């Protein structure tokens, strides 16, 4: 019991403060899924952790807001504003923070930087630009592949319609 728990805690690079259960609100909840959070609350309350279980998306948003988790950081599938389209923006913000690069809103002051620092900043900006370009190219390829799939299915439909019309014409 405790050895296994200690092993799990060592395996994770962070210690969790809270455990949030976000149920699928599209399906009715079973008796088991209603009881598990209560059992876990008893177990986790001893260790200072707790479990949330809600019946609908608005309850989920309210419960998480009490812990400082905003609607903007929750996925759209549960009524939040965050989607996978935001990954590139989030990644760029993280890199700017980690590399001490100015954000888009800030004015970059390069006058007080040494030549090595300017070169390093330029290299890092080039990395960001290359990542953005690759991401944009990937999205473009995906859009083209979807268009190709649509056009191929339309071509198949037209070909089958053409065959049907030829058979009808031959009769």
C-alpha atoms as a PDB file:
ATOM      1  CA  UNK A   1       0.000   0.000   0.000  1.00  0.00           C
ATOM      2  CA  UNK A   2       2.351   2.738   1.214  1.00  0.00           C
ATOM      3  CA  UNK A   3       5.306   1.414  -0.774  1.00  0.00           C
ATOM      4  CA  UNK A   4       3.256   1.485  -3.952  1.00  0.00           C
ATOM      5  CA  UNK A   5       2.032   5.007  -3.168  1.00  0.00           C
ATOM      6  CA  UNK A   6       5.610   6.166  -2.495  1.00  0.00           C
ATOM      7  CA  UNK A   7       6.737   4.620  -5.779  1.00  0.00           C
ATOM      8  CA  UNK A   8       3.985   6.424  -7.692  1.00  0.00           C
ATOM      9  CA  UNK A   9       4.806   9.752  -6.027  1.00  0.00           C
ATOM     10  CA  UNK A  10       8.501   9.349  -6.921  1.00  0.00           C
ATOM     11  CA  UNK A  11       7.616   8.487 -10.531  1.00  0.00           C
ATOM     12  CA  UNK A  12       5.780  11.771 -11.134  1.00  0.00           C
ATOM     13  CA  UNK A  13       7.923  14.876 -11.599  1.00  0.00           C
ATOM     14  CA  UNK A  14       5.475  16.946  -9.532  1.00  0.00           C
ATOM     15  CA  UNK A  15       3.368  16.406  -6.463  1.00  0.00           C
ATOM     16  CA  UNK A  16      -0.330  16.831  -7.221  1.00  0.00           C
ATOM     17  CA  UNK A  17      -2.233  19.322  -5.136  1.00  0.00           C
ATOM     18  CA  UNK A  18      -5.680  18.326  -6.317  1.00  0.00           C
ATOM     19  CA  UNK A  19      -7.225  15.605  -8.396  1.00  0.00           C
ATOM     20  CA  UNK A  20     -10.125  16.750 -10.580  1.00  0.00           C
ATOM     21  CA  UNK A  21     -12.530  14.178 -12.001  1.00  0.00           C
ATOM     22  CA  UNK A  22     -14.259  15.510 -15.089  1.00  0.00           C
ATOM     23  CA  UNK A  23     -17.055  13.099 -16.014  1.00  0.00           C
ATOM     24  CA  UNK A  24     -18.583  12.648 -19.430  1.00  0.00           C
ATOM     25  CA  UNK A  25     -21.794  14.651 -18.982  1.00  0.00           C
ATOM     26  CA  UNK A  26     -23.240  13.372 -22.271  1.00  0.00           C
ATOM     27  CA  UNK A  27     -23.934   9.912 -20.812  1.00  0.00           C
ATOM     28  CA  UNK A  28     -26.032   9.089 -17.760  1.00  0.00           C
ATOM     29  CA  UNK A  29     -23.933   8.247 -14.713  1.00  0.00           C
ATOM     30  CA  UNK A  30     -24.030   4.749 -13.285  1.00  0.00           C
ATOM     31  CA  UNK A  31     -24.364   3.943  -9.619  1.00  0.00           C
ATOM     32  CA  UNK A  32     -20.691   2.941  -9.526  1.00  0.00           C
ATOM     33  CA  UNK A  33     -19.491   6.218 -11.062  1.00  0.00           C
ATOM     34  CA  UNK A  34     -21.589   8.123  -8.507  1.00  0.00           C
ATOM     35  CA  UNK A  35     -20.102   6.199  -5.580  1.00  0.00           C
ATOM     36  CA  UNK A  36     -16.423   6.214  -6.553  1.00  0.00           C
ATOM     37  CA  UNK A  37     -15.882   9.952  -5.876  1.00  0.00           C
ATOM     38  CA  UNK A  38     -17.268   9.600  -2.346  1.00  0.00           C
ATOM     39  CA  UNK A  39     -14.959   6.678  -1.591  1.00  0.00           C
ATOM     40  CA  UNK A  40     -11.990   8.538  -3.047  1.00  0.00           C
ATOM     41  CA  UNK A  41     -12.856  11.633  -1.000  1.00  0.00           C
ATOM     42  CA  UNK A  42     -12.527   9.547   2.165  1.00  0.00           C
ATOM     43  CA  UNK A  43      -9.179   8.125   1.048  1.00  0.00           C
ATOM     44  CA  UNK A  44      -7.739  11.315  -0.436  1.00  0.00           C
ATOM     45  CA  UNK A  45      -8.889  13.633   2.369  1.00  0.00           C
ATOM     46  CA  UNK A  46      -6.377  11.904   4.636  1.00  0.00           C
ATOM     47  CA  UNK A  47      -3.543  12.838   2.264  1.00  0.00           C
ATOM     48  CA  UNK A  48      -4.782  16.408   1.702  1.00  0.00           C
ATOM     49  CA  UNK A  49      -6.065  15.767  -1.806  1.00  0.00           C
ATOM     50  CA  UNK A  50      -9.655  15.795  -2.970  1.00  0.00           C
ATOM     51  CA  UNK A  51     -11.831  14.714  -5.849  1.00  0.00           C
ATOM     52  CA  UNK A  52     -14.443  16.644  -7.844  1.00  0.00           C
ATOM     53  CA  UNK A  53     -17.374  15.019  -9.554  1.00  0.00           C
ATOM     54  CA  UNK A  54     -20.091  17.033 -11.266  1.00  0.00           C
ATOM     55  CA  UNK A  55     -23.300  16.310 -13.144  1.00  0.00           C
ATOM     56  CA  UNK A  56     -23.003  18.924 -15.902  1.00  0.00           C
ATOM     57  CA  UNK A  57     -20.512  21.273 -17.534  1.00  0.00           C
ATOM     58  CA  UNK A  58     -21.589  24.384 -15.623  1.00  0.00           C
ATOM     59  CA  UNK A  59     -21.013  22.582 -12.298  1.00  0.00           C
ATOM     60  CA  UNK A  60     -17.568  21.496 -13.513  1.00  0.00           C
ATOM     61  CA  UNK A  61     -16.643  25.086 -14.431  1.00  0.00           C
ATOM     62  CA  UNK A  62     -17.906  26.388 -11.062  1.00  0.00           C
ATOM     63  CA  UNK A  63     -16.081  23.710  -9.057  1.00  0.00           C
ATOM     64  CA  UNK A  64     -12.789  24.286 -10.867  1.00  0.00           C
ATOM     65  CA  UNK A  65     -13.133  28.081 -10.630  1.00  0.00           C
ATOM     66  CA  UNK A  66     -13.044  27.724  -6.839  1.00  0.00           C
ATOM     67  CA  UNK A  67      -9.499  26.369  -7.284  1.00  0.00           C
ATOM     68  CA  UNK A  68      -8.326  29.123  -9.625  1.00  0.00           C
ATOM     69  CA  UNK A  69      -8.843  27.167 -12.849  1.00  0.00           C
ATOM     70  CA  UNK A  70     -10.485  29.582 -15.264  1.00  0.00           C
ATOM     71  CA  UNK A  71     -12.927  28.813 -18.069  1.00  0.00           C
ATOM     72  CA  UNK A  72     -10.301  30.001 -20.564  1.00  0.00           C
ATOM     73  CA  UNK A  73      -7.990  27.151 -19.530  1.00  0.00           C
ATOM     74  CA  UNK A  74     -10.651  24.418 -19.780  1.00  0.00           C
ATOM     75  CA  UNK A  75     -11.270  22.430 -22.981  1.00  0.00           C
ATOM     76  CA  UNK A  76     -14.226  23.298 -25.192  1.00  0.00           C
ATOM     77  CA  UNK A  77     -15.611  19.780 -24.698  1.00  0.00           C
ATOM     78  CA  UNK A  78     -16.663  20.725 -21.159  1.00  0.00           C
ATOM     79  CA  UNK A  79     -17.749  24.289 -21.899  1.00  0.00           C
ATOM     80  CA  UNK A  80     -14.381  26.007 -21.655  1.00  0.00           C
ATOM     81  CA  UNK A  81     -12.682  28.216 -24.221  1.00  0.00           C
ATOM     82  CA  UNK A  82      -9.456  26.237 -24.789  1.00  0.00           C
ATOM     83  CA  UNK A  83      -8.998  24.174 -27.951  1.00  0.00           C
ATOM     84  CA  UNK A  84      -6.085  22.429 -29.616  1.00  0.00           C
ATOM     85  CA  UNK A  85      -5.776  25.390 -31.964  1.00  0.00           C
ATOM     86  CA  UNK A  86      -4.276  27.259 -28.996  1.00  0.00           C
ATOM     87  CA  UNK A  87      -1.297  24.899 -28.641  1.00  0.00           C
ATOM     88  CA  UNK A  88       0.970  26.848 -30.993  1.00  0.00           C
ATOM     89  CA  UNK A  89       0.217  30.121 -29.197  1.00  0.00           C
ATOM     90  CA  UNK A  90       0.706  28.530 -25.786  1.00  0.00           C
ATOM     91  CA  UNK A  91       3.983  26.945 -26.884  1.00  0.00           C
ATOM     92  CA  UNK A  92       5.272  30.261 -28.188  1.00  0.00           C
ATOM     93  CA  UNK A  93       4.342  32.021 -24.934  1.00  0.00           C
ATOM     94  CA  UNK A  94       6.123  29.342 -22.883  1.00  0.00           C
ATOM     95  CA  UNK A  95       9.265  29.640 -25.012  1.00  0.00           C
ATOM     96  CA  UNK A  96       9.244  33.425 -24.740  1.00  0.00           C
ATOM     97  CA  UNK A  97       8.970  33.158 -20.955  1.00  0.00           C
ATOM     98  CA  UNK A  98      11.691  30.494 -20.665  1.00  0.00           C
ATOM     99  CA  UNK A  99      14.077  32.291 -23.007  1.00  0.00           C
ATOM    100  CA  UNK A 100      13.359  35.776 -21.583  1.00  0.00           C
ATOM    101  CA  UNK A 101      12.220  37.054 -24.967  1.00  0.00           C
ATOM    102  CA  UNK A 102       9.833  40.033 -25.054  1.00  0.00           C
ATOM    103  CA  UNK A 103       6.208  39.234 -25.794  1.00  0.00           C
ATOM    104  CA  UNK A 104       4.431  40.624 -28.841  1.00  0.00           C
ATOM    105  CA  UNK A 105       3.035  43.499 -26.764  1.00  0.00           C
ATOM    106  CA  UNK A 106       6.373  44.523 -25.280  1.00  0.00           C
ATOM    107  CA  UNK A 107       8.833  46.662 -27.176  1.00  0.00           C
ATOM    108  CA  UNK A 108      12.115  44.836 -27.669  1.00  0.00           C
ATOM    109  CA  UNK A 109      15.081  46.877 -26.543  1.00  0.00           C
ATOM    110  CA  UNK A 110      18.221  45.597 -28.225  1.00  0.00           C
ATOM    111  CA  UNK A 111      20.354  48.680 -27.526  1.00  0.00           C
ATOM    112  CA  UNK A 112      21.555  47.409 -24.169  1.00  0.00           C
ATOM    113  CA  UNK A 113      22.412  43.877 -25.387  1.00  0.00           C
ATOM    114  CA  UNK A 114      25.892  42.681 -26.261  1.00  0.00           C
ATOM    115  CA  UNK A 115      26.535  41.324 -29.743  1.00  0.00           C
ATOM    116  CA  UNK A 116      26.478  37.730 -28.450  1.00  0.00           C
ATOM    117  CA  UNK A 117      23.143  38.350 -26.718  1.00  0.00           C
ATOM    118  CA  UNK A 118      21.731  39.887 -29.923  1.00  0.00           C
ATOM    119  CA  UNK A 119      22.907  36.868 -31.935  1.00  0.00           C
ATOM    120  CA  UNK A 120      21.372  34.479 -29.382  1.00  0.00           C
ATOM    121  CA  UNK A 121      18.087  36.402 -29.413  1.00  0.00           C
ATOM    122  CA  UNK A 122      18.069  36.366 -33.215  1.00  0.00           C
ATOM    123  CA  UNK A 123      18.744  32.607 -33.220  1.00  0.00           C
ATOM    124  CA  UNK A 124      15.860  32.031 -30.813  1.00  0.00           C
ATOM    125  CA  UNK A 125      13.523  34.216 -32.866  1.00  0.00           C
ATOM    126  CA  UNK A 126      14.493  32.173 -35.926  1.00  0.00           C
ATOM    127  CA  UNK A 127      13.616  28.984 -34.039  1.00  0.00           C
ATOM    128  CA  UNK A 128      10.202  30.415 -33.151  1.00  0.00           C
ATOM    129  CA  UNK A 129       9.619  31.537 -36.719  1.00  0.00           C
ATOM    130  CA  UNK A 130      10.576  28.116 -38.098  1.00  0.00           C
ATOM    131  CA  UNK A 131       8.202  26.384 -35.670  1.00  0.00           C
ATOM    132  CA  UNK A 132       5.353  28.716 -36.630  1.00  0.00           C
ATOM    133  CA  UNK A 133       6.045  28.130 -40.316  1.00  0.00           C
ATOM    134  CA  UNK A 134       6.108  24.325 -39.889  1.00  0.00           C
ATOM    135  CA  UNK A 135       2.842  24.480 -37.944  1.00  0.00           C
ATOM    136  CA  UNK A 136       1.258  26.664 -40.636  1.00  0.00           C
ATOM    137  CA  UNK A 137       2.518  24.300 -43.355  1.00  0.00           C
ATOM    138  CA  UNK A 138       1.086  21.285 -41.478  1.00  0.00           C
ATOM    139  CA  UNK A 139      -2.308  22.979 -41.245  1.00  0.00           C
ATOM    140  CA  UNK A 140      -2.166  23.823 -44.927  1.00  0.00           C
ATOM    141  CA  UNK A 141      -1.350  20.210 -45.855  1.00  0.00           C
ATOM    142  CA  UNK A 142      -4.196  18.950 -43.661  1.00  0.00           C
ATOM    143  CA  UNK A 143      -6.626  21.351 -45.332  1.00  0.00           C
ATOM    144  CA  UNK A 144      -5.464  20.231 -48.776  1.00  0.00           C
ATOM    145  CA  UNK A 145      -5.795  16.554 -47.812  1.00  0.00           C
ATOM    146  CA  UNK A 146      -9.349  17.172 -46.636  1.00  0.00           C
ATOM    147  CA  UNK A 147     -10.093  18.967 -49.893  1.00  0.00           C
ATOM    148  CA  UNK A 148      -8.601  16.065 -51.879  1.00  0.00           C
ATOM    149  CA  UNK A 149     -10.732  13.573 -49.945  1.00  0.00           C
ATOM    150  CA  UNK A 150     -13.852  15.630 -50.630  1.00  0.00           C
ATOM    151  CA  UNK A 151     -13.047  15.976 -54.321  1.00  0.00           C
ATOM    152  CA  UNK A 152     -12.306  12.230 -54.631  1.00  0.00           C
ATOM    153  CA  UNK A 153     -15.646  11.327 -53.058  1.00  0.00           C
ATOM    154  CA  UNK A 154     -17.397  13.824 -55.344  1.00  0.00           C
ATOM    155  CA  UNK A 155     -15.618  12.294 -58.344  1.00  0.00           C
ATOM    156  CA  UNK A 156     -16.728   8.801 -57.271  1.00  0.00           C
ATOM    157  CA  UNK A 157     -20.337   9.985 -56.962  1.00  0.00           C
ATOM    158  CA  UNK A 158     -20.223  11.630 -60.389  1.00  0.00           C
ATOM    159  CA  UNK A 159     -18.655   8.521 -61.946  1.00  0.00           C
ATOM    160  CA  UNK A 160     -21.355   6.277 -60.523  1.00  0.00           C
ATOM    161  CA  UNK A 161     -24.043   8.736 -61.669  1.00  0.00           C
ATOM    162  CA  UNK A 162     -22.493   8.767 -65.146  1.00  0.00           C
ATOM    163  CA  UNK A 163     -22.612   4.943 -65.287  1.00  0.00           C
ATOM    164  CA  UNK A 164     -26.235   4.958 -64.155  1.00  0.00           C
ATOM    165  CA  UNK A 165     -27.174   7.507 -66.838  1.00  0.00           C
ATOM    166  CA  UNK A 166     -25.344   5.538 -69.560  1.00  0.00           C
ATOM    167  CA  UNK A 167     -27.211   2.352 -68.572  1.00  0.00           C
ATOM    168  CA  UNK A 168     -30.498   4.237 -68.664  1.00  0.00           C
ATOM    169  CA  UNK A 169     -29.609   5.728 -72.060  1.00  0.00           C
ATOM    170  CA  UNK A 170     -28.751   2.318 -73.547  1.00  0.00           C
ATOM    171  CA  UNK A 171     -32.190   0.880 -72.644  1.00  0.00           C
END
